[in-house]
Amino acid sequence: MQKNDTPQGAILQRDKKTYAIVPRTPVGLVSPEILEALARVGRKFEVPIMKITSGQRIALVGLEEHQVEEVWNELKMDIGPAVGLCVHYVQACPGTEVCKFGLQDSLGFGLELEKMFVGMELPAKLKVGVSGCTMCCAESYVRDIGLIGKKKGWTMVIGGNASGRPRIGDILAEDLSRSDALELVNRFLIYYRDNSTKRNRSSMLLKKIGIDGVKAALL
């Protein structure tokens, strides 16, 4: 690593001296081993802030530059994309795994989407929310790609955003099987990659082209 380069998997903080890292925890699932590793590292390196993020991950904030590589080595966890122009994460609710309201398997589907698409390079960051019912506990309507489970299958929405300029996503398709929804997610990601400009979120693409334009291209 050259001097002044940001350590791998680290995010420079506002003090311009310390770093944060975000280990990857697909759809927010953790194990006793993961929690023990995080606690052990937190104590050993005296991490000042350990924060659960909106993306169902745990950020370790306030690391010194020389600590970053040591912490990753001890955690033995993958890096969760947090600032790159790519798919950052898939957020998911418990769905039919445990929730009495669940209509579709949001955890299983979310894990499948995470495995396939997280890290995929795109014009801007992209977030996915998978909700097992219409209560939308995974905030699917304000994610770039949202999946909502209903009795007849999955509803897919696109172009949502929860930023300073919030936008409710548009419905792209309904009553999708899991395999059809997976295929449509892939097609939309490719379409977004090929038709958007750098650092323009999917919401900007939808504002420019409109949902009818995207439907005409993909359906």
Foldseek 3Di string as FASTA:
>chain_A
DDPPDQPPQWDQDPVNFWTKHWFDDAQLDDDPLLVVLVVVLCVVQVQPDWDQDLQNTTMGTGHGRVCVVVSCVSNVTHGQDDFAQFERHEHEDCAPVDDPQFQDRGRVLSVVCRVPGRPHHALHYFYEYEYRAPVRPSVQQQGQWYWHHDNLGIWIFHQAHDPPDGDGTDTQDDSDHSVRVVVLVVVVRVVRRVPDHHHDRRNVVCVVQNSVNVNVVRD
